[in-house]
Amino acid sequence: MAQPRSDIAPKGSPWWLRLVDSFWVQLLGPILKGLETFGHMLVLLSQATYWLFRRPFRWREHLAALDFIGVGSLSIIVLVGLFTGAAFSLQVTDTFRTFGMESYIGAMVTLALVRELAPVLTALMVTARAGSAMATELGSMRITEQIDALRTMAVSPVQYLVTPRILASVLMMPLLTMVFTFAGMLGAYFVAVILLEVDHGLFVAETEWMVDAYDIKIGLIKAAIFGLVLSSIGCQQGFFAEGGAKGVGRATTRAVVYSCVTILMLDYFVGDILLIIYESPT
């Protein structure tokens, strides 16, 4: 991206005017670059949505993307979910025992997993694994002119490369979040009930009483939004990569950093909006 022109203060101007001019250039440069990146992402997302309903429907590419993002991420999701639930249960049990609130341990851990920990940590894990791969693959295809070759063969690169990845992320993220939640509850149950001897009946009964479909709905909606965000950012960074091998590396790094920061920011705003729209029945 071209940097903002520094021609407000021509040569021979007072030093303080040149200093002010340089300050505005340094200030506006990152802002304009961020707006340009956001615009590219919106354009790419709109094109991907358009091609989703246009023939030919490339089912093989969609199935491959579903397998890579969903099935390929299962092992790391289960592993992280188990230890997240175990660690959180360990801390909650130690704290709640101090106040004689052992009966709420299961409900507390499950609510935290369903509403916050599962969708956020699942999104971060998928970003680290699949989002970075999207940026790397598309960036490599861009610098080796494979994307241009698709156009010469009358194949839309957006339909062939971007649409399957975005759709697969939106569909698989809620499923992976449910797997993370289940694994986290297993880890929490093992630590609280088996190791720390919390009463099994209280753990299960309070969880059934306090956790309902409303809480699960919030987590799944968050997960779908996070899937859309991480895949859009990853595809955008790779699709518009430039500068050879170093450019692909920078695009991959930006894809992971931008996705993680955006997910953590959206977690608050989306959660606040959902709490307003779906008022808790309790």
Protein backbone atom coordinates (compact mmCIF):
# COMPACT_ATOMS: atom_id res chain seq x y z
CA MET A 1 0.00 0.00 0.00
CA ALA A 2 1.28 3.46 -0.85
CA GLN A 3 2.11 5.59 2.15
CA PRO A 4 0.26 8.90 2.62
CA ARG A 5 2.01 11.68 0.73
CA SER A 6 4.12 14.04 2.79
CA ASP A 7 3.70 17.12 0.60
CA ILE A 8 1.86 19.32 3.10
CA ALA A 9 5.13 20.87 4.17
CA PRO A 10 7.42 21.41 1.15
CA LYS A 11 11.16 21.75 1.37
CA GLY A 12 12.23 24.95 3.03
CA SER A 13 9.29 25.00 5.43
CA PRO A 14 9.89 25.60 9.14
CA TRP A 15 11.12 22.58 11.08
CA TRP A 16 8.04 22.48 13.27
CA LEU A 17 5.75 22.29 10.23
CA ARG A 18 7.77 19.39 8.81
CA LEU A 19 7.60 17.69 12.21
CA VAL A 20 3.81 18.02 12.32
CA ASP A 21 3.59 16.71 8.76
CA SER A 22 5.73 13.68 9.63
CA PHE A 23 3.58 13.00 12.69
CA TRP A 24 0.40 12.88 10.62
CA VAL A 25 2.03 10.58 8.07
CA GLN A 26 3.12 8.16 10.80
CA LEU A 27 -0.32 8.34 12.42
CA LEU A 28 -2.45 7.93 9.29
CA GLY A 29 -0.29 5.28 7.64
CA PRO A 30 -1.30 2.33 9.87
CA ILE A 31 -4.92 3.51 10.01
CA LEU A 32 -5.23 3.68 6.23
CA LYS A 33 -3.50 0.32 5.86
CA GLY A 34 -5.90 -1.22 8.35
CA LEU A 35 -8.90 0.22 6.50
CA GLU A 36 -7.54 -1.10 3.21
CA THR A 37 -7.10 -4.59 4.71
CA PHE A 38 -10.62 -4.50 6.15
CA GLY A 39 -12.00 -3.42 2.77
CA HIS A 40 -10.20 -6.26 0.99
CA MET A 41 -11.64 -8.72 3.48
CA LEU A 42 -15.20 -7.46 3.01
CA VAL A 43 -14.89 -7.60 -0.78
CA LEU A 44 -13.47 -11.12 -0.65
CA LEU A 45 -16.19 -12.24 1.75
CA SER A 46 -18.93 -10.79 -0.46
CA GLN A 47 -17.47 -12.53 -3.52
CA ALA A 48 -17.23 -15.81 -1.62
CA THR A 49 -20.89 -15.48 -0.59
CA TYR A 50 -21.88 -14.75 -4.19
CA TRP A 51 -20.04 -17.80 -5.54
CA LEU A 52 -21.53 -20.03 -2.86
CA PHE A 53 -24.82 -20.10 -4.79
CA ARG A 54 -23.35 -20.23 -8.31
CA ARG A 55 -22.61 -23.29 -10.39
CA PRO A 56 -20.54 -25.38 -10.54
CA PHE A 57 -20.83 -26.50 -6.93
CA ARG A 58 -17.41 -27.88 -6.16
CA TRP A 59 -18.41 -30.51 -3.60
CA ARG A 60 -14.99 -32.16 -3.57
CA GLU A 61 -13.34 -28.92 -2.47
CA HIS A 62 -15.99 -28.37 0.20
CA LEU A 63 -15.56 -31.88 1.59
CA ALA A 64 -11.78 -31.48 1.61
CA ALA A 65 -12.09 -28.20 3.54
CA LEU A 66 -14.52 -29.77 6.03
CA ASP A 67 -12.12 -32.64 6.60
CA PHE A 68 -9.09 -30.38 7.02
CA ILE A 69 -10.70 -27.86 9.37
CA GLY A 70 -13.01 -30.20 11.27
CA VAL A 71 -11.60 -33.72 11.42
CA GLY A 72 -8.00 -32.51 11.32
CA SER A 73 -8.54 -30.31 14.37
CA LEU A 74 -10.27 -32.91 16.54
CA SER A 75 -7.19 -34.20 18.33
CA ILE A 76 -5.88 -30.81 19.43
CA ILE A 77 -9.40 -29.67 20.42
CA VAL A 78 -9.93 -32.74 22.62
CA LEU A 79 -6.50 -32.40 24.21
CA VAL A 80 -6.85 -28.68 24.97
CA GLY A 81 -10.43 -29.16 26.14
CA LEU A 82 -9.49 -31.90 28.61
CA PHE A 83 -6.72 -29.91 30.27
CA THR A 84 -8.68 -26.64 30.19
CA GLY A 85 -11.57 -28.26 32.06
CA ALA A 86 -9.19 -29.99 34.45
CA ALA A 87 -7.23 -26.84 35.27
CA PHE A 88 -10.33 -24.70 35.66
CA SER A 89 -12.02 -27.32 37.85
CA LEU A 90 -8.94 -27.52 40.06
CA GLN A 91 -8.97 -23.77 40.74
CA VAL A 92 -12.75 -23.53 41.15
CA THR A 93 -12.87 -26.47 43.56
CA ASP A 94 -10.12 -25.02 45.73
CA THR A 95 -11.88 -21.63 45.87
CA PHE A 96 -15.45 -22.82 46.33
CA ARG A 97 -14.49 -25.18 49.16
CA THR A 98 -13.28 -22.19 51.12
CA PHE A 99 -16.82 -20.76 51.07
CA GLY A 100 -18.68 -24.08 51.35
CA MET A 101 -20.07 -23.90 47.80
CA GLU A 102 -19.01 -27.31 46.47
CA SER A 103 -22.47 -27.94 45.04
CA TYR A 104 -21.95 -25.21 42.42
CA ILE A 105 -18.62 -26.46 41.07
CA GLY A 106 -20.08 -28.47 38.18
CA ALA A 107 -22.45 -25.72 37.10
CA MET A 108 -19.75 -23.05 37.30
CA VAL A 109 -17.26 -24.99 35.21
CA THR A 110 -19.84 -26.01 32.61
CA LEU A 111 -21.24 -22.48 32.23
CA ALA A 112 -17.74 -21.07 31.76
CA LEU A 113 -16.96 -23.72 29.15
CA VAL A 114 -20.22 -23.40 27.24
CA ARG A 115 -20.39 -19.60 27.12
CA GLU A 116 -16.78 -18.46 26.96
CA LEU A 117 -13.89 -20.90 27.17
CA ALA A 118 -15.04 -23.42 24.57
CA PRO A 119 -15.85 -21.03 21.68
CA VAL A 120 -12.89 -18.73 22.32
CA LEU A 121 -10.21 -21.38 22.85
CA THR A 122 -11.56 -23.48 19.99
CA ALA A 123 -11.33 -20.46 17.70
CA LEU A 124 -7.77 -19.74 18.82
CA MET A 125 -6.70 -23.35 18.26
CA VAL A 126 -8.32 -23.51 14.83
CA THR A 127 -6.71 -20.18 13.96
CA ALA A 128 -3.28 -21.48 14.93
CA ARG A 129 -3.72 -24.66 12.93
CA ALA A 130 -6.11 -24.01 10.03
CA GLY A 131 -6.13 -20.22 9.75
CA SER A 132 -2.37 -20.07 9.36
CA ALA A 133 -2.53 -22.89 6.80
CA MET A 134 -5.11 -20.98 4.75
CA ALA A 135 -2.89 -17.92 4.60
CA THR A 136 0.18 -19.98 3.73
CA GLU A 137 -1.50 -22.05 1.02
CA LEU A 138 -3.18 -19.13 -0.71
CA GLY A 139 -0.08 -16.95 -0.33
CA SER A 140 2.09 -19.61 -1.93
CA MET A 141 -0.39 -19.95 -4.78
CA ARG A 142 -0.41 -16.18 -5.23
CA ILE A 143 3.37 -15.74 -5.51
CA THR A 144 3.72 -18.80 -7.80
CA GLU A 145 0.95 -17.38 -10.05
CA GLN A 146 -1.32 -20.39 -9.58
CA ILE A 147 -4.24 -18.09 -8.80
CA ASP A 148 -3.66 -16.26 -12.08
CA ALA A 149 -3.51 -19.63 -13.83
CA LEU A 150 -6.97 -20.49 -12.49
CA ARG A 151 -8.33 -17.31 -14.04
CA THR A 152 -6.80 -18.19 -17.43
CA MET A 153 -8.69 -21.51 -17.26
CA ALA A 154 -11.97 -19.67 -16.64
CA VAL A 155 -12.10 -20.87 -13.02
CA SER A 156 -12.99 -18.38 -10.32
CA PRO A 157 -10.21 -18.54 -7.70
CA VAL A 158 -12.61 -17.20 -5.08
CA GLN A 159 -15.12 -19.98 -5.71
CA TYR A 160 -12.42 -22.65 -5.95
CA LEU A 161 -10.19 -21.59 -3.05
CA VAL A 162 -11.96 -19.19 -0.69
CA THR A 163 -15.62 -20.19 -0.55
CA PRO A 164 -15.02 -23.80 0.60
CA ARG A 165 -12.70 -22.68 3.40
CA ILE A 166 -15.04 -20.01 4.75
CA LEU A 167 -18.11 -22.26 4.60
CA ALA A 168 -16.26 -25.14 6.24
CA SER A 169 -15.07 -22.89 9.07
CA VAL A 170 -18.58 -21.58 9.77
CA LEU A 171 -20.03 -25.11 9.79
CA MET A 172 -17.30 -26.89 11.73
CA MET A 173 -16.59 -24.33 14.46
CA PRO A 174 -19.87 -24.99 16.37
CA LEU A 175 -19.25 -28.74 16.16
CA LEU A 176 -15.69 -28.40 17.37
CA THR A 177 -16.90 -26.14 20.18
CA MET A 178 -19.32 -28.85 21.33
CA VAL A 179 -16.47 -31.38 21.28
CA PHE A 180 -14.31 -28.97 23.31
CA THR A 181 -17.12 -28.50 25.83
CA PHE A 182 -17.64 -32.25 26.23
CA ALA A 183 -13.91 -32.86 26.65
CA GLY A 184 -13.66 -30.00 29.14
CA MET A 185 -16.53 -31.40 31.21
CA LEU A 186 -14.83 -34.80 31.28
CA GLY A 187 -11.60 -33.20 32.50
CA ALA A 188 -13.47 -31.15 35.09
CA TYR A 189 -15.42 -34.18 36.35
CA PHE A 190 -12.26 -36.28 36.65
CA VAL A 191 -10.43 -33.66 38.70
CA ALA A 192 -13.36 -32.57 40.89
CA VAL A 193 -15.11 -35.89 41.52
CA ILE A 194 -12.38 -38.51 41.13
CA LEU A 195 -9.33 -36.66 42.45
CA LEU A 196 -10.76 -34.05 44.83
CA GLU A 197 -13.76 -36.14 45.98
CA VAL A 198 -16.55 -33.69 45.22
CA ASP A 199 -19.93 -35.39 45.53
CA HIS A 200 -20.97 -36.86 42.18
CA GLY A 201 -24.68 -36.18 42.71
CA LEU A 202 -24.17 -32.51 43.50
CA PHE A 203 -21.81 -32.05 40.55
CA VAL A 204 -24.27 -33.51 38.06
CA ALA A 205 -27.53 -32.24 39.56
CA GLU A 206 -26.52 -28.57 39.75
CA THR A 207 -25.11 -28.73 36.23
CA GLU A 208 -28.42 -30.06 34.88
CA TRP A 209 -30.34 -27.44 36.86
CA MET A 210 -28.36 -24.33 35.89
CA VAL A 211 -27.19 -25.04 32.33
CA ASP A 212 -29.83 -25.00 29.59
CA ALA A 213 -30.26 -24.52 25.85
CA TYR A 214 -29.95 -20.74 26.22
CA ASP A 215 -26.34 -21.04 27.35
CA ILE A 216 -25.47 -23.54 24.63
CA LYS A 217 -27.05 -21.27 22.00
CA ILE A 218 -24.81 -18.36 22.98
CA GLY A 219 -21.68 -20.47 22.68
CA LEU A 220 -22.61 -21.92 19.29
CA ILE A 221 -23.49 -18.53 17.80
CA LYS A 222 -20.16 -17.17 18.99
CA ALA A 223 -18.37 -20.15 17.48
CA ALA A 224 -19.96 -19.65 14.05
CA ILE A 225 -19.05 -15.95 14.07
CA PHE A 226 -15.48 -16.73 15.09
CA GLY A 227 -15.24 -19.29 12.30
CA LEU A 228 -16.35 -16.70 9.77
CA VAL A 229 -13.82 -14.18 11.09
CA LEU A 230 -10.76 -16.43 11.26
CA SER A 231 -11.34 -17.93 7.80
CA SER A 232 -12.03 -14.54 6.20
CA ILE A 233 -8.87 -13.03 7.66
CA GLY A 234 -6.73 -16.05 6.79
CA CYS A 235 -7.99 -16.19 3.21
CA GLN A 236 -7.67 -12.43 2.75
CA GLN A 237 -4.08 -12.33 3.95
CA GLY A 238 -3.05 -15.22 1.74
CA PHE A 239 -5.07 -14.19 -1.31
CA PHE A 240 -3.46 -10.74 -1.44
CA ALA A 241 0.03 -11.77 -0.32
CA GLU A 242 3.01 -10.30 -2.16
CA GLY A 243 6.76 -10.10 -1.80
CA GLY A 244 7.87 -13.68 -2.34
CA ALA A 245 8.59 -16.14 0.46
CA LYS A 246 9.02 -13.36 3.03
CA GLY A 247 5.67 -11.92 2.02
CA VAL A 248 3.98 -15.28 2.59
CA GLY A 249 5.57 -15.48 6.03
CA ARG A 250 4.40 -11.98 6.91
CA ALA A 251 0.90 -12.77 5.62
CA THR A 252 0.72 -15.90 7.76
CA THR A 253 1.89 -14.02 10.84
CA ARG A 254 -0.61 -11.23 10.26
CA ALA A 255 -3.41 -13.74 9.70
CA VAL A 256 -2.80 -15.41 13.07
CA VAL A 257 -2.30 -12.16 15.00
CA TYR A 258 -5.25 -10.34 13.42
CA SER A 259 -7.54 -13.34 13.91
CA CYS A 260 -6.61 -13.85 17.57
CA VAL A 261 -6.99 -10.18 18.44
CA THR A 262 -10.29 -9.88 16.55
CA ILE A 263 -11.70 -13.01 18.19
CA LEU A 264 -10.88 -11.76 21.67
CA MET A 265 -12.37 -8.35 20.91
CA LEU A 266 -15.51 -9.80 19.34
CA ASP A 267 -15.98 -12.14 22.29
CA TYR A 268 -16.97 -9.18 24.44
CA PHE A 269 -19.11 -7.32 21.91
CA VAL A 270 -20.90 -10.40 20.56
CA GLY A 271 -21.46 -11.66 24.09
CA ASP A 272 -22.95 -8.33 25.14
CA ILE A 273 -25.26 -8.23 22.12
CA LEU A 274 -26.40 -11.83 22.64
CA LEU A 275 -27.14 -11.20 26.30
CA ILE A 276 -29.38 -8.30 25.25
CA ILE A 277 -31.12 -10.23 22.44
CA TYR A 278 -31.54 -13.49 24.33
CA GLU A 279 -32.35 -12.47 27.84
CA SER A 280 -31.54 -15.22 30.31
CA PRO A 281 -34.68 -17.13 31.37
CA THR A 282 -33.25 -17.34 34.89
